Protein backbone atom coordinates (compact mmCIF):
# COMPACT_ATOMS: atom_id res chain seq x y z
CA MET A 1 183.35 -20.76 -41.25
CA ARG A 2 179.92 -20.72 -39.66
CA LEU A 3 178.36 -23.63 -41.55
CA THR A 4 177.81 -27.09 -40.14
CA PRO A 5 178.92 -30.21 -42.01
CA GLU A 6 175.24 -30.94 -42.73
CA GLN A 7 174.68 -27.46 -44.15
CA THR A 8 177.79 -27.87 -46.29
CA ARG A 9 176.47 -31.20 -47.60
CA GLN A 10 173.06 -29.70 -48.38
CA ILE A 11 174.60 -26.76 -50.24
CA ARG A 12 176.90 -28.91 -52.36
CA ALA A 13 174.18 -31.47 -53.15
CA CYS A 14 171.63 -28.84 -54.17
CA LEU A 15 173.99 -26.83 -56.35
CA GLN A 16 175.49 -29.84 -58.07
CA GLN A 17 172.02 -31.20 -58.75
CA GLN A 18 170.91 -27.88 -60.24
CA PHE A 19 174.06 -26.88 -62.12
CA GLY A 20 176.03 -30.11 -62.68
CA PRO A 21 178.60 -32.28 -60.89
CA THR A 22 181.58 -30.06 -61.79
CA THR A 23 180.06 -27.03 -60.05
CA GLN A 24 182.48 -25.40 -57.62
CA VAL A 25 181.15 -23.58 -54.55
CA SER A 26 182.90 -21.03 -52.34
CA VAL A 27 181.66 -19.05 -49.35
CA TYR A 28 182.35 -15.35 -48.90
CA GLY A 29 180.92 -12.64 -46.65
CA SER A 30 179.76 -12.76 -43.05
CA ARG A 31 179.69 -16.57 -42.70
CA LEU A 32 183.49 -16.61 -42.85
CA ASP A 33 183.70 -14.71 -39.55
CA ASP A 34 183.62 -17.34 -36.80
CA ALA A 35 183.02 -14.64 -34.18
CA GLY A 36 180.00 -13.24 -36.03
CA ARG A 37 176.35 -14.00 -35.53
CA GLY A 38 173.46 -14.31 -37.95
CA GLY A 39 173.75 -13.16 -41.52
CA ASP A 40 172.95 -14.69 -44.85
CA VAL A 41 174.96 -17.33 -46.68
CA ASP A 42 176.89 -15.76 -49.57
CA LEU A 43 177.91 -18.34 -52.15
CA LEU A 44 180.11 -17.95 -55.21
CA VAL A 45 179.04 -20.68 -57.63
CA GLU A 46 181.21 -21.48 -60.65
CA THR A 47 179.61 -23.55 -63.41
CA GLU A 48 180.76 -25.10 -66.68
CA ARG A 49 177.66 -24.02 -68.62
CA PRO A 50 175.49 -20.92 -68.56
CA VAL A 51 172.75 -20.92 -65.90
CA THR A 52 169.24 -19.68 -66.57
CA LEU A 53 167.48 -17.27 -64.24
CA ARG A 54 164.96 -20.03 -63.50
CA GLN A 55 167.72 -22.49 -62.47
CA ARG A 56 169.30 -19.87 -60.23
CA ALA A 57 166.00 -18.96 -58.59
CA LEU A 58 165.09 -22.61 -58.01
CA ALA A 59 168.48 -23.34 -56.43
CA GLN A 60 168.21 -20.31 -54.16
CA MET A 61 164.68 -21.25 -53.09
CA GLN A 62 165.71 -24.86 -52.34
CA LEU A 63 168.72 -23.76 -50.34
CA GLU A 64 166.77 -21.23 -48.30
CA GLN A 65 164.15 -23.89 -47.52
CA SER A 66 166.63 -26.57 -46.48
CA LEU A 67 168.99 -24.28 -44.55
CA GLN A 68 166.29 -22.04 -43.07
CA LEU A 69 168.63 -19.12 -43.79
CA PRO A 70 168.70 -16.37 -46.43
CA VAL A 71 171.05 -17.25 -49.30
CA ASP A 72 172.71 -15.03 -51.90
CA LEU A 73 174.02 -16.78 -55.01
CA LEU A 74 176.65 -15.22 -57.21
CA VAL A 75 176.67 -17.58 -60.21
CA VAL A 76 179.44 -17.26 -62.79
CA GLN A 77 180.42 -19.36 -65.75
CA ARG A 78 183.99 -20.65 -65.55
CA GLY A 79 186.18 -18.84 -68.05
CA GLY A 80 183.76 -15.92 -68.40
CA ALA A 81 184.58 -12.30 -67.72
CA ASP A 82 184.40 -11.31 -64.04
CA THR A 83 182.65 -8.19 -62.84
CA ALA A 84 184.29 -6.00 -60.21
CA PHE A 85 182.01 -7.54 -57.56
CA THR A 86 182.92 -11.07 -58.66
CA ARG A 87 186.63 -10.26 -58.37
CA ILE A 88 186.12 -8.95 -54.83
CA ALA A 89 184.04 -11.98 -53.80
CA ARG A 90 186.54 -14.40 -55.36
CA ALA A 91 189.44 -12.71 -53.53
CA LYS A 92 187.77 -13.21 -50.15
CA ALA A 93 186.03 -16.55 -50.77
CA LEU A 94 186.94 -19.93 -49.29
CA PRO A 95 186.08 -23.15 -51.14
CA LEU A 96 183.24 -25.14 -49.62
CA GLU A 97 184.91 -28.47 -49.02
CA PRO A 98 182.93 -31.73 -49.08
CA ALA A 99 181.65 -32.68 -45.65
């Protein structure tokens, strides 16, 4: 996974601050390819409670500022119905472990 321990820490801290301490974060997409270069950071974020558009936008803005990388957030409420895209992302995602 092409994220440093510091980037991992920043991601977890930001998302747990915005969405709560039980928020689970996984990475999917191009950052999983260790041989790749560049690309955005695709994050699957699972929350206990619904997330407002404002919360999502603020989290994305904070992450992009701290990481200096483009970030895509796919935010889903745990136990909710998955879309086809969410199922695909979930199937390929790896949990973002604490640094």
